[in-house]
Amino acid sequence: FNIGANVRFSVTETTARVYRKVWEMAC
């Protein structure tokens, strides 16, 4: 399993959609 999903956002700019998408991809 080699999916990265490395993104950088300030926590106040991290939308629920971004957080969920990164979790879906990387975990």
mmCIF file of all heavy atoms, coordinates in Angstrom:
data_MODEL
# 
_entry.id   MODEL 
# 
loop_
_atom_site.group_PDB 
_atom_site.id 
_atom_site.type_symbol 
_atom_site.label_atom_id 
_atom_site.label_alt_id 
_atom_site.label_comp_id 
_atom_site.label_asym_id 
_atom_site.label_entity_id 
_atom_site.label_seq_id 
_atom_site.pdbx_PDB_ins_code 
_atom_site.Cartn_x 
_atom_site.Cartn_y 
_atom_site.Cartn_z 
_atom_site.occupancy 
_atom_site.B_iso_or_equiv 
_atom_site.pdbx_formal_charge 
_atom_site.auth_seq_id 
_atom_site.auth_comp_id 
_atom_site.auth_asym_id 
_atom_site.auth_atom_id 
_atom_site.pdbx_PDB_model_num 
ATOM 1   N N   . PHE A 1 1  ? 0.867   -1.187 0.000  1.00 0.00 ? 1  PHE A N   1 
ATOM 2   C CA  . PHE A 1 1  ? 0.000   0.000  0.000  1.00 0.00 ? 1  PHE A CA  1 
ATOM 3   C C   . PHE A 1 1  ? 0.893   1.223  0.000  1.00 0.00 ? 1  PHE A C   1 
ATOM 4   O O   . PHE A 1 1  ? 1.630   1.482  0.951  1.00 0.00 ? 1  PHE A O   1 
ATOM 5   C CB  . PHE A 1 1  ? -0.910  0.005  1.224  1.00 0.00 ? 1  PHE A CB  1 
ATOM 6   C CG  . PHE A 1 1  ? -1.855  1.181  1.239  1.00 0.00 ? 1  PHE A CG  1 
ATOM 7   C CD1 . PHE A 1 1  ? -2.953  1.210  0.409  1.00 0.00 ? 1  PHE A CD1 1 
ATOM 8   C CD2 . PHE A 1 1  ? -1.613  2.271  2.067  1.00 0.00 ? 1  PHE A CD2 1 
ATOM 9   C CE1 . PHE A 1 1  ? -3.814  2.308  0.390  1.00 0.00 ? 1  PHE A CE1 1 
ATOM 10  C CE2 . PHE A 1 1  ? -2.469  3.362  2.061  1.00 0.00 ? 1  PHE A CE2 1 
ATOM 11  C CZ  . PHE A 1 1  ? -3.571  3.380  1.223  1.00 0.00 ? 1  PHE A CZ  1 
ATOM 12  N N   . ASN A 1 2  ? 0.835   2.002  -1.086 1.00 0.00 ? 2  ASN A N   1 
ATOM 13  C CA  . ASN A 1 2  ? 1.808   3.073  -1.285 1.00 0.00 ? 2  ASN A CA  1 
ATOM 14  C C   . ASN A 1 2  ? 1.158   4.414  -1.613 1.00 0.00 ? 2  ASN A C   1 
ATOM 15  O O   . ASN A 1 2  ? 1.775   5.269  -2.235 1.00 0.00 ? 2  ASN A O   1 
ATOM 16  C CB  . ASN A 1 2  ? 2.780   2.656  -2.417 1.00 0.00 ? 2  ASN A CB  1 
ATOM 17  C CG  . ASN A 1 2  ? 3.933   3.608  -2.571 1.00 0.00 ? 2  ASN A CG  1 
ATOM 18  O OD1 . ASN A 1 2  ? 4.715   3.815  -1.652 1.00 0.00 ? 2  ASN A OD1 1 
ATOM 19  N ND2 . ASN A 1 2  ? 4.047   4.223  -3.743 1.00 0.00 ? 2  ASN A ND2 1 
ATOM 20  N N   . ILE A 1 3  ? -0.084  4.626  -1.184 1.00 0.00 ? 3  ILE A N   1 
ATOM 21  C CA  . ILE A 1 3  ? -0.742  5.908  -1.452 1.00 0.00 ? 3  ILE A CA  1 
ATOM 22  C C   . ILE A 1 3  ? -0.220  6.960  -0.473 1.00 0.00 ? 3  ILE A C   1 
ATOM 23  O O   . ILE A 1 3  ? -0.125  6.712  0.731  1.00 0.00 ? 3  ILE A O   1 
ATOM 24  C CB  . ILE A 1 3  ? -2.270  5.770  -1.330 1.00 0.00 ? 3  ILE A CB  1 
ATOM 25  C CG1 . ILE A 1 3  ? -2.798  4.876  -2.469 1.00 0.00 ? 3  ILE A CG1 1 
ATOM 26  C CG2 . ILE A 1 3  ? -2.945  7.135  -1.369 1.00 0.00 ? 3  ILE A CG2 1 
ATOM 27  C CD1 . ILE A 1 3  ? -4.295  4.650  -2.423 1.00 0.00 ? 3  ILE A CD1 1 
ATOM 28  N N   . GLY A 1 4  ? 0.109   8.135  -0.992 1.00 0.00 ? 4  GLY A N   1 
ATOM 29  C CA  . GLY A 1 4  ? 0.685   9.193  -0.157 1.00 0.00 ? 4  GLY A CA  1 
ATOM 30  C C   . GLY A 1 4  ? -0.352  10.110 0.478  1.00 0.00 ? 4  GLY A C   1 
ATOM 31  O O   . GLY A 1 4  ? -0.559  10.098 1.673  1.00 0.00 ? 4  GLY A O   1 
ATOM 32  N N   . ALA A 1 5  ? -1.016  10.930 -0.320 1.00 0.00 ? 5  ALA A N   1 
ATOM 33  C CA  . ALA A 1 5  ? -2.021  11.899 0.152  1.00 0.00 ? 5  ALA A CA  1 
ATOM 34  C C   . ALA A 1 5  ? -1.412  12.989 1.025  1.00 0.00 ? 5  ALA A C   1 
ATOM 35  O O   . ALA A 1 5  ? -2.015  13.456 1.981  1.00 0.00 ? 5  ALA A O   1 
ATOM 36  C CB  . ALA A 1 5  ? -3.149  11.198 0.906  1.00 0.00 ? 5  ALA A CB  1 
ATOM 37  N N   . ASN A 1 6  ? -0.205  13.407 0.692  1.00 0.00 ? 6  ASN A N   1 
ATOM 38  C CA  . ASN A 1 6  ? 0.486   14.432 1.471  1.00 0.00 ? 6  ASN A CA  1 
ATOM 39  C C   . ASN A 1 6  ? -0.010  15.816 1.058  1.00 0.00 ? 6  ASN A C   1 
ATOM 40  O O   . ASN A 1 6  ? 0.329   16.320 -0.017 1.00 0.00 ? 6  ASN A O   1 
ATOM 41  C CB  . ASN A 1 6  ? 1.991   14.324 1.237  1.00 0.00 ? 6  ASN A CB  1 
ATOM 42  C CG  . ASN A 1 6  ? 2.796   15.244 2.131  1.00 0.00 ? 6  ASN A CG  1 
ATOM 43  O OD1 . ASN A 1 6  ? 2.257   16.157 2.740  1.00 0.00 ? 6  ASN A OD1 1 
ATOM 44  N ND2 . ASN A 1 6  ? 4.089   15.016 2.201  1.00 0.00 ? 6  ASN A ND2 1 
ATOM 45  N N   . VAL A 1 7  ? -0.817  16.431 1.903  1.00 0.00 ? 7  VAL A N   1 
ATOM 46  C CA  . VAL A 1 7  ? -1.308  17.785 1.643  1.00 0.00 ? 7  VAL A CA  1 
ATOM 47  C C   . VAL A 1 7  ? -1.035  18.657 2.865  1.00 0.00 ? 7  VAL A C   1 
ATOM 48  O O   . VAL A 1 7  ? -0.933  18.157 3.989  1.00 0.00 ? 7  VAL A O   1 
ATOM 49  C CB  . VAL A 1 7  ? -2.811  17.802 1.313  1.00 0.00 ? 7  VAL A CB  1 
ATOM 50  C CG1 . VAL A 1 7  ? -3.106  17.013 0.051  1.00 0.00 ? 7  VAL A CG1 1 
ATOM 51  C CG2 . VAL A 1 7  ? -3.632  17.270 2.475  1.00 0.00 ? 7  VAL A CG2 1 
ATOM 52  N N   . ARG A 1 8  ? -0.917  19.945 2.632  1.00 0.00 ? 8  ARG A N   1 
ATOM 53  C CA  . ARG A 1 8  ? -0.634  20.862 3.730  1.00 0.00 ? 8  ARG A CA  1 
ATOM 54  C C   . ARG A 1 8  ? -1.662  21.985 3.755  1.00 0.00 ? 8  ARG A C   1 
ATOM 55  O O   . ARG A 1 8  ? -1.831  22.716 2.781  1.00 0.00 ? 8  ARG A O   1 
ATOM 56  C CB  . ARG A 1 8  ? 0.778   21.446 3.594  1.00 0.00 ? 8  ARG A CB  1 
ATOM 57  C CG  . ARG A 1 8  ? 1.168   22.319 4.778  1.00 0.00 ? 8  ARG A CG  1 
ATOM 58  C CD  . ARG A 1 8  ? 2.618   22.757 4.692  1.00 0.00 ? 8  ARG A CD  1 
ATOM 59  N NE  . ARG A 1 8  ? 3.040   23.426 5.910  1.00 0.00 ? 8  ARG A NE  1 
ATOM 60  C CZ  . ARG A 1 8  ? 4.284   23.843 6.153  1.00 0.00 ? 8  ARG A CZ  1 
ATOM 61  N NH1 . ARG A 1 8  ? 5.222   23.651 5.249  1.00 0.00 ? 8  ARG A NH1 1 
ATOM 62  N NH2 . ARG A 1 8  ? 4.575   24.438 7.281  1.00 0.00 ? 8  ARG A NH2 1 
ATOM 63  N N   . PHE A 1 9  ? -2.362  22.108 4.884  1.00 0.00 ? 9  PHE A N   1 
ATOM 64  C CA  . PHE A 1 9  ? -3.316  23.176 5.119  1.00 0.00 ? 9  PHE A CA  1 
ATOM 65  C C   . PHE A 1 9  ? -3.223  23.571 6.585  1.00 0.00 ? 9  PHE A C   1 
ATOM 66  O O   . PHE A 1 9  ? -3.063  22.712 7.452  1.00 0.00 ? 9  PHE A O   1 
ATOM 67  C CB  . PHE A 1 9  ? -4.761  22.719 4.850  1.00 0.00 ? 9  PHE A CB  1 
ATOM 68  C CG  . PHE A 1 9  ? -5.109  22.484 3.417  1.00 0.00 ? 9  PHE A CG  1 
ATOM 69  C CD1 . PHE A 1 9  ? -5.095  21.210 2.891  1.00 0.00 ? 9  PHE A CD1 1 
ATOM 70  C CD2 . PHE A 1 9  ? -5.462  23.546 2.597  1.00 0.00 ? 9  PHE A CD2 1 
ATOM 71  C CE1 . PHE A 1 9  ? -5.433  20.980 1.576  1.00 0.00 ? 9  PHE A CE1 1 
ATOM 72  C CE2 . PHE A 1 9  ? -5.803  23.326 1.274  1.00 0.00 ? 9  PHE A CE2 1 
ATOM 73  C CZ  . PHE A 1 9  ? -5.781  22.048 0.758  1.00 0.00 ? 9  PHE A CZ  1 
ATOM 74  N N   . SER A 1 10 ? -3.374  24.852 6.860  1.00 0.00 ? 10 SER A N   1 
ATOM 75  C CA  . SER A 1 10 ? -3.578  25.266 8.238  1.00 0.00 ? 10 SER A CA  1 
ATOM 76  C C   . SER A 1 10 ? -4.794  24.541 8.783  1.00 0.00 ? 10 SER A C   1 
ATOM 77  O O   . SER A 1 10 ? -5.753  24.282 8.049  1.00 0.00 ? 10 SER A O   1 
ATOM 78  C CB  . SER A 1 10 ? -3.804  26.784 8.298  1.00 0.00 ? 10 SER A CB  1 
ATOM 79  O OG  . SER A 1 10 ? -4.393  27.153 9.532  1.00 0.00 ? 10 SER A OG  1 
ATOM 80  N N   . VAL A 1 11 ? -4.763  24.227 10.080 1.00 0.00 ? 11 VAL A N   1 
ATOM 81  C CA  . VAL A 1 11 ? -5.890  23.476 10.635 1.00 0.00 ? 11 VAL A CA  1 
ATOM 82  C C   . VAL A 1 11 ? -7.193  24.248 10.482 1.00 0.00 ? 11 VAL A C   1 
ATOM 83  O O   . VAL A 1 11 ? -8.264  23.658 10.268 1.00 0.00 ? 11 VAL A O   1 
ATOM 84  C CB  . VAL A 1 11 ? -5.625  23.100 12.115 1.00 0.00 ? 11 VAL A CB  1 
ATOM 85  C CG1 . VAL A 1 11 ? -5.621  24.340 13.008 1.00 0.00 ? 11 VAL A CG1 1 
ATOM 86  C CG2 . VAL A 1 11 ? -6.661  22.089 12.600 1.00 0.00 ? 11 VAL A CG2 1 
ATOM 87  N N   . THR A 1 12 ? -7.142  25.572 10.541 1.00 0.00 ? 12 THR A N   1 
ATOM 88  C CA  . THR A 1 12 ? -8.368  26.359 10.403 1.00 0.00 ? 12 THR A CA  1 
ATOM 89  C C   . THR A 1 12 ? -8.850  26.410 8.956  1.00 0.00 ? 12 THR A C   1 
ATOM 90  O O   . THR A 1 12 ? -9.988  26.794 8.706  1.00 0.00 ? 12 THR A O   1 
ATOM 91  C CB  . THR A 1 12 ? -8.159  27.790 10.924 1.00 0.00 ? 12 THR A CB  1 
ATOM 92  O OG1 . THR A 1 12 ? -7.098  28.409 10.199 1.00 0.00 ? 12 THR A OG1 1 
ATOM 93  C CG2 . THR A 1 12 ? -7.849  27.777 12.412 1.00 0.00 ? 12 THR A CG2 1 
ATOM 94  N N   . GLU A 1 13 ? -8.006  26.030 8.020  1.00 0.00 ? 13 GLU A N   1 
ATOM 95  C CA  . GLU A 1 13 ? -8.380  26.010 6.608  1.00 0.00 ? 13 GLU A CA  1 
ATOM 96  C C   . GLU A 1 13 ? -8.635  24.591 6.106  1.00 0.00 ? 13 GLU A C   1 
ATOM 97  O O   . GLU A 1 13 ? -8.918  24.383 4.924  1.00 0.00 ? 13 GLU A O   1 
ATOM 98  C CB  . GLU A 1 13 ? -7.280  26.661 5.771  1.00 0.00 ? 13 GLU A CB  1 
ATOM 99  C CG  . GLU A 1 13 ? -7.095  28.143 6.081  1.00 0.00 ? 13 GLU A CG  1 
ATOM 100 C CD  . GLU A 1 13 ? -5.910  28.745 5.355  1.00 0.00 ? 13 GLU A CD  1 
ATOM 101 O OE1 . GLU A 1 13 ? -5.131  27.968 4.753  1.00 0.00 ? 13 GLU A OE1 1 
ATOM 102 O OE2 . GLU A 1 13 ? -5.763  29.980 5.373  1.00 0.00 ? 13 GLU A OE2 1 
ATOM 103 N N   . THR A 1 14 ? -8.522  23.611 6.995  1.00 0.00 ? 14 THR A N   1 
ATOM 104 C CA  . THR A 1 14 ? -8.761  22.219 6.617  1.00 0.00 ? 14 THR A CA  1 
ATOM 105 C C   . THR A 1 14 ? -10.255 21.933 6.703  1.00 0.00 ? 14 THR A C   1 
ATOM 106 O O   . THR A 1 14 ? -10.825 21.886 7.795  1.00 0.00 ? 14 THR A O   1 
ATOM 107 C CB  . THR A 1 14 ? -7.987  21.253 7.540  1.00 0.00 ? 14 THR A CB  1 
ATOM 108 O OG1 . THR A 1 14 ? -6.587  21.548 7.458  1.00 0.00 ? 14 THR A OG1 1 
ATOM 109 C CG2 . THR A 1 14 ? -8.228  19.807 7.138  1.00 0.00 ? 14 THR A CG2 1 
ATOM 110 N N   . THR A 1 15 ? -10.866 21.764 5.559  1.00 0.00 ? 15 THR A N   1 
ATOM 111 C CA  . THR A 1 15 ? -12.305 21.503 5.533  1.00 0.00 ? 15 THR A CA  1 
ATOM 112 C C   . THR A 1 15 ? -12.573 20.037 5.919  1.00 0.00 ? 15 THR A C   1 
ATOM 113 O O   . THR A 1 15 ? -11.687 19.180 5.860  1.00 0.00 ? 15 THR A O   1 
ATOM 114 C CB  . THR A 1 15 ? -12.882 21.756 4.139  1.00 0.00 ? 15 THR A CB  1 
ATOM 115 O OG1 . THR A 1 15 ? -12.291 20.828 3.217  1.00 0.00 ? 15 THR A OG1 1 
ATOM 116 C CG2 . THR A 1 15 ? -12.591 23.181 3.676  1.00 0.00 ? 15 THR A CG2 1 
ATOM 117 N N   . ALA A 1 16 ? -13.804 19.782 6.280  1.00 0.00 ? 16 ALA A N   1 
ATOM 118 C CA  . ALA A 1 16 ? -14.188 18.407 6.584  1.00 0.00 ? 16 ALA A CA  1 
ATOM 119 C C   . ALA A 1 16 ? -13.976 17.513 5.369  1.00 0.00 ? 16 ALA A C   1 
ATOM 120 O O   . ALA A 1 16 ? -13.554 16.352 5.500  1.00 0.00 ? 16 ALA A O   1 
ATOM 121 C CB  . ALA A 1 16 ? -15.647 18.357 7.024  1.00 0.00 ? 16 ALA A CB  1 
ATOM 122 N N   . ARG A 1 17 ? -14.226 18.045 4.189  1.00 0.00 ? 17 ARG A N   1 
ATOM 123 C CA  . ARG A 1 17 ? -14.054 17.260 2.964  1.00 0.00 ? 17 ARG A CA  1 
ATOM 124 C C   . ARG A 1 17 ? -12.592 16.891 2.761  1.00 0.00 ? 17 ARG A C   1 
ATOM 125 O O   . ARG A 1 17 ? -12.274 15.747 2.412  1.00 0.00 ? 17 ARG A O   1 
ATOM 126 C CB  . ARG A 1 17 ? -14.571 18.045 1.757  1.00 0.00 ? 17 ARG A CB  1 
ATOM 127 C CG  . ARG A 1 17 ? -14.449 17.301 0.443  1.00 0.00 ? 17 ARG A CG  1 
ATOM 128 C CD  . ARG A 1 17 ? -15.038 18.103 -0.710 1.00 0.00 ? 17 ARG A CD  1 
ATOM 129 N NE  . ARG A 1 17 ? -14.936 17.390 -1.975 1.00 0.00 ? 17 ARG A NE  1 
ATOM 130 C CZ  . ARG A 1 17 ? -13.857 17.404 -2.754 1.00 0.00 ? 17 ARG A CZ  1 
ATOM 131 N NH1 . ARG A 1 17 ? -12.790 18.121 -2.409 1.00 0.00 ? 17 ARG A NH1 1 
ATOM 132 N NH2 . ARG A 1 17 ? -13.839 16.713 -3.892 1.00 0.00 ? 17 ARG A NH2 1 
ATOM 133 N N   . VAL A 1 18 ? -11.683 17.848 2.976  1.00 0.00 ? 18 VAL A N   1 
ATOM 134 C CA  . VAL A 1 18 ? -10.254 17.559 2.828  1.00 0.00 ? 18 VAL A CA  1 
ATOM 135 C C   . VAL A 1 18 ? -9.810  16.512 3.840  1.00 0.00 ? 18 VAL A C   1 
ATOM 136 O O   . VAL A 1 18 ? -9.124  15.537 3.497  1.00 0.00 ? 18 VAL A O   1 
ATOM 137 C CB  . VAL A 1 18 ? -9.416  18.853 2.986  1.00 0.00 ? 18 VAL A CB  1 
ATOM 138 C CG1 . VAL A 1 18 ? -7.936  18.522 3.189  1.00 0.00 ? 18 VAL A CG1 1 
ATOM 139 C CG2 . VAL A 1 18 ? -9.586  19.743 1.762  1.00 0.00 ? 18 VAL A CG2 1 
ATOM 140 N N   . TYR A 1 19 ? -10.197 16.710 5.096  1.00 0.00 ? 19 TYR A N   1 
ATOM 141 C CA  . TYR A 1 19 ? -9.764  15.769 6.133  1.00 0.00 ? 19 TYR A CA  1 
ATOM 142 C C   . TYR A 1 19 ? -10.269 14.361 5.821  1.00 0.00 ? 19 TYR A C   1 
ATOM 143 O O   . TYR A 1 19 ? -9.522  13.387 5.921  1.00 0.00 ? 19 TYR A O   1 
ATOM 144 C CB  . TYR A 1 19 ? -10.273 16.222 7.502  1.00 0.00 ? 19 TYR A CB  1 
ATOM 145 C CG  . TYR A 1 19 ? -9.561  15.526 8.643  1.00 0.00 ? 19 TYR A CG  1 
ATOM 146 C CD1 . TYR A 1 19 ? -8.465  16.104 9.264  1.00 0.00 ? 19 TYR A CD1 1 
ATOM 147 C CD2 . TYR A 1 19 ? -9.989  14.275 9.076  1.00 0.00 ? 19 TYR A CD2 1 
ATOM 148 C CE1 . TYR A 1 19 ? -7.791  15.457 10.298 1.00 0.00 ? 19 TYR A CE1 1 
ATOM 149 C CE2 . TYR A 1 19 ? -9.336  13.619 10.110 1.00 0.00 ? 19 TYR A CE2 1 
ATOM 150 C CZ  . TYR A 1 19 ? -8.239  14.222 10.718 1.00 0.00 ? 19 TYR A CZ  1 
ATOM 151 O OH  . TYR A 1 19 ? -7.581  13.570 11.725 1.00 0.00 ? 19 TYR A OH  1 
ATOM 152 N N   . ARG A 1 20 ? -11.534 14.272 5.441  1.00 0.00 ? 20 ARG A N   1 
ATOM 153 C CA  . ARG A 1 20 ? -12.119 12.969 5.149  1.00 0.00 ? 20 ARG A CA  1 
ATOM 154 C C   . ARG A 1 20 ? -11.459 12.327 3.929  1.00 0.00 ? 20 ARG A C   1 
ATOM 155 O O   . ARG A 1 20 ? -11.159 11.130 3.923  1.00 0.00 ? 20 ARG A O   1 
ATOM 156 C CB  . ARG A 1 20 ? -13.623 13.114 4.919  1.00 0.00 ? 20 ARG A CB  1 
ATOM 157 C CG  . ARG A 1 20 ? -14.357 11.788 4.760  1.00 0.00 ? 20 ARG A CG  1 
ATOM 158 C CD  . ARG A 1 20 ? -15.855 12.007 4.556  1.00 0.00 ? 20 ARG A CD  1 
ATOM 159 N NE  . ARG A 1 20 ? -16.467 12.673 5.715  1.00 0.00 ? 20 ARG A NE  1 
ATOM 160 C CZ  . ARG A 1 20 ? -16.940 13.911 5.711  1.00 0.00 ? 20 ARG A CZ  1 
ATOM 161 N NH1 . ARG A 1 20 ? -16.868 14.641 4.597  1.00 0.00 ? 20 ARG A NH1 1 
ATOM 162 N NH2 . ARG A 1 20 ? -17.470 14.432 6.790  1.00 0.00 ? 20 ARG A NH2 1 
ATOM 163 N N   . LYS A 1 21 ? -11.208 13.130 2.896  1.00 0.00 ? 21 LYS A N   1 
ATOM 164 C CA  . LYS A 1 21 ? -10.607 12.591 1.675  1.00 0.00 ? 21 LYS A CA  1 
ATOM 165 C C   . LYS A 1 21 ? -9.199  12.078 1.934  1.00 0.00 ? 21 LYS A C   1 
ATOM 166 O O   . LYS A 1 21 ? -8.814  11.009 1.446  1.00 0.00 ? 21 LYS A O   1 
ATOM 167 C CB  . LYS A 1 21 ? -10.586 13.674 0.590  1.00 0.00 ? 21 LYS A CB  1 
ATOM 168 C CG  . LYS A 1 21 ? -10.044 13.189 -0.745 1.00 0.00 ? 21 LYS A CG  1 
ATOM 169 C CD  . LYS A 1 21 ? -10.117 14.277 -1.797 1.00 0.00 ? 21 LYS A CD  1 
ATOM 170 C CE  . LYS A 1 21 ? -9.559  13.787 -3.132 1.00 0.00 ? 21 LYS A CE  1 
ATOM 171 N NZ  . LYS A 1 21 ? -9.604  14.845 -4.166 1.00 0.00 ? 21 LYS A NZ  1 
ATOM 172 N N   . VAL A 1 22 ? -8.420  12.826 2.708  1.00 0.00 ? 22 VAL A N   1 
ATOM 173 C CA  . VAL A 1 22 ? -7.048  12.392 3.021  1.00 0.00 ? 22 VAL A CA  1 
ATOM 174 C C   . VAL A 1 22 ? -7.082  11.097 3.818  1.00 0.00 ? 22 VAL A C   1 
ATOM 175 O O   . VAL A 1 22 ? -6.309  10.165 3.565  1.00 0.00 ? 22 VAL A O   1 
ATOM 176 C CB  . VAL A 1 22 ? -6.284  13.500 3.773  1.00 0.00 ? 22 VAL A CB  1 
ATOM 177 C CG1 . VAL A 1 22 ? -4.951  12.982 4.302  1.00 0.00 ? 22 VAL A CG1 1 
ATOM 178 C CG2 . VAL A 1 22 ? -6.063  14.700 2.856  1.00 0.00 ? 22 VAL A CG2 1 
ATOM 179 N N   . TRP A 1 23 ? -7.992  11.017 4.798  1.00 0.00 ? 23 TRP A N   1 
ATOM 180 C CA  . TRP A 1 23 ? -8.114  9.789  5.582  1.00 0.00 ? 23 TRP A CA  1 
ATOM 181 C C   . TRP A 1 23 ? -8.521  8.615  4.700  1.00 0.00 ? 23 TRP A C   1 
ATOM 182 O O   . TRP A 1 23 ? -7.981  7.503  4.826  1.00 0.00 ? 23 TRP A O   1 
ATOM 183 C CB  . TRP A 1 23 ? -9.146  9.985  6.699  1.00 0.00 ? 23 TRP A CB  1 
ATOM 184 C CG  . TRP A 1 23 ? -9.443  8.712  7.436  1.00 0.00 ? 23 TRP A CG  1 
ATOM 185 C CD1 . TRP A 1 23 ? -8.686  8.106  8.397  1.00 0.00 ? 23 TRP A CD1 1 
ATOM 186 C CD2 . TRP A 1 23 ? -10.579 7.861  7.237  1.00 0.00 ? 23 TRP A CD2 1 
ATOM 187 N NE1 . TRP A 1 23 ? -9.281  6.935  8.812  1.00 0.00 ? 23 TRP A NE1 1 
ATOM 188 C CE2 . TRP A 1 23 ? -10.445 6.765  8.119  1.00 0.00 ? 23 TRP A CE2 1 
ATOM 189 C CE3 . TRP A 1 23 ? -11.697 7.934  6.409  1.00 0.00 ? 23 TRP A CE3 1 
ATOM 190 C CZ2 . TRP A 1 23 ? -11.382 5.749  8.186  1.00 0.00 ? 23 TRP A CZ2 1 
ATOM 191 C CZ3 . TRP A 1 23 ? -12.646 6.909  6.477  1.00 0.00 ? 23 TRP A CZ3 1 
ATOM 192 C CH2 . TRP A 1 23 ? -12.478 5.836  7.355  1.00 0.00 ? 23 TRP A CH2 1 
ATOM 193 N N   . GLU A 1 24 ? -9.463  8.838  3.780  1.00 0.00 ? 24 GLU A N   1 
ATOM 194 C CA  . GLU A 1 24 ? -9.891  7.762  2.890  1.00 0.00 ? 24 GLU A CA  1 
ATOM 195 C C   . GLU A 1 24 ? -8.734  7.269  2.029  1.00 0.00 ? 24 GLU A C   1 
ATOM 196 O O   . GLU A 1 24 ? -8.561  6.058  1.832  1.00 0.00 ? 24 GLU A O   1 
ATOM 197 C CB  . GLU A 1 24 ? -11.027 8.241  1.986  1.00 0.00 ? 24 GLU A CB  1 
ATOM 198 C CG  . GLU A 1 24 ? -12.360 8.411  2.685  1.00 0.00 ? 24 GLU A CG  1 
ATOM 199 C CD  . GLU A 1 24 ? -13.423 8.949  1.756  1.00 0.00 ? 24 GLU A CD  1 
ATOM 200 O OE1 . GLU A 1 24 ? -13.067 9.439  0.657  1.00 0.00 ? 24 GLU A OE1 1 
ATOM 201 O OE2 . GLU A 1 24 ? -14.612 8.883  2.114  1.00 0.00 ? 24 GLU A OE2 1 
ATOM 202 N N   . MET A 1 25 ? -7.929  8.202  1.522  1.00 0.00 ? 25 MET A N   1 
ATOM 203 C CA  . MET A 1 25 ? -6.835  7.825  0.634  1.00 0.00 ? 25 MET A CA  1 
ATOM 204 C C   . MET A 1 25 ? -5.694  7.150  1.386  1.00 0.00 ? 25 MET A C   1 
ATOM 205 O O   . MET A 1 25 ? -5.175  6.111  0.960  1.00 0.00 ? 25 MET A O   1 
ATOM 206 C CB  . MET A 1 25 ? -6.309  9.067  -0.102 1.00 0.00 ? 25 MET A CB  1 
ATOM 207 C CG  . MET A 1 25 ? -7.272  9.651  -1.106 1.00 0.00 ? 25 MET A CG  1 
ATOM 208 S SD  . MET A 1 25 ? -6.684  11.210 -1.794 1.00 0.00 ? 25 MET A SD  1 
ATOM 209 C CE  . MET A 1 25 ? -5.197  10.680 -2.628 1.00 0.00 ? 25 MET A CE  1 
ATOM 210 N N   . ALA A 1 26 ? -5.283  7.747  2.500  1.00 0.00 ? 26 ALA A N   1 
ATOM 211 C CA  . ALA A 1 26 ? -4.062  7.302  3.176  1.00 0.00 ? 26 ALA A CA  1 
ATOM 212 C C   . ALA A 1 26 ? -4.289  6.242  4.238  1.00 0.00 ? 26 ALA A C   1 
ATOM 213 O O   . ALA A 1 26 ? -3.318  5.620  4.683  1.00 0.00 ? 26 ALA A O   1 
ATOM 214 C CB  . ALA A 1 26 ? -3.348  8.505  3.801  1.00 0.00 ? 26 ALA A CB  1 
ATOM 215 N N   . CYS A 1 27 ? -5.524  6.021  4.655  1.00 0.00 ? 27 CYS A N   1 
ATOM 216 C CA  . CYS A 1 27 ? -5.780  5.029  5.699  1.00 0.00 ? 27 CYS A CA  1 
ATOM 217 C C   . CYS A 1 27 ? -6.883  4.039  5.321  1.00 0.00 ? 27 CYS A C   1 
ATOM 218 O O   . CYS A 1 27 ? -6.644  2.831  5.297  1.00 0.00 ? 27 CYS A O   1 
ATOM 219 C CB  . CYS A 1 27 ? -6.134  5.720  7.012  1.00 0.00 ? 27 CYS A CB  1 
ATOM 220 S SG  . CYS A 1 27 ? -6.427  4.548  8.353  1.00 0.00 ? 27 CYS A SG  1 
# 
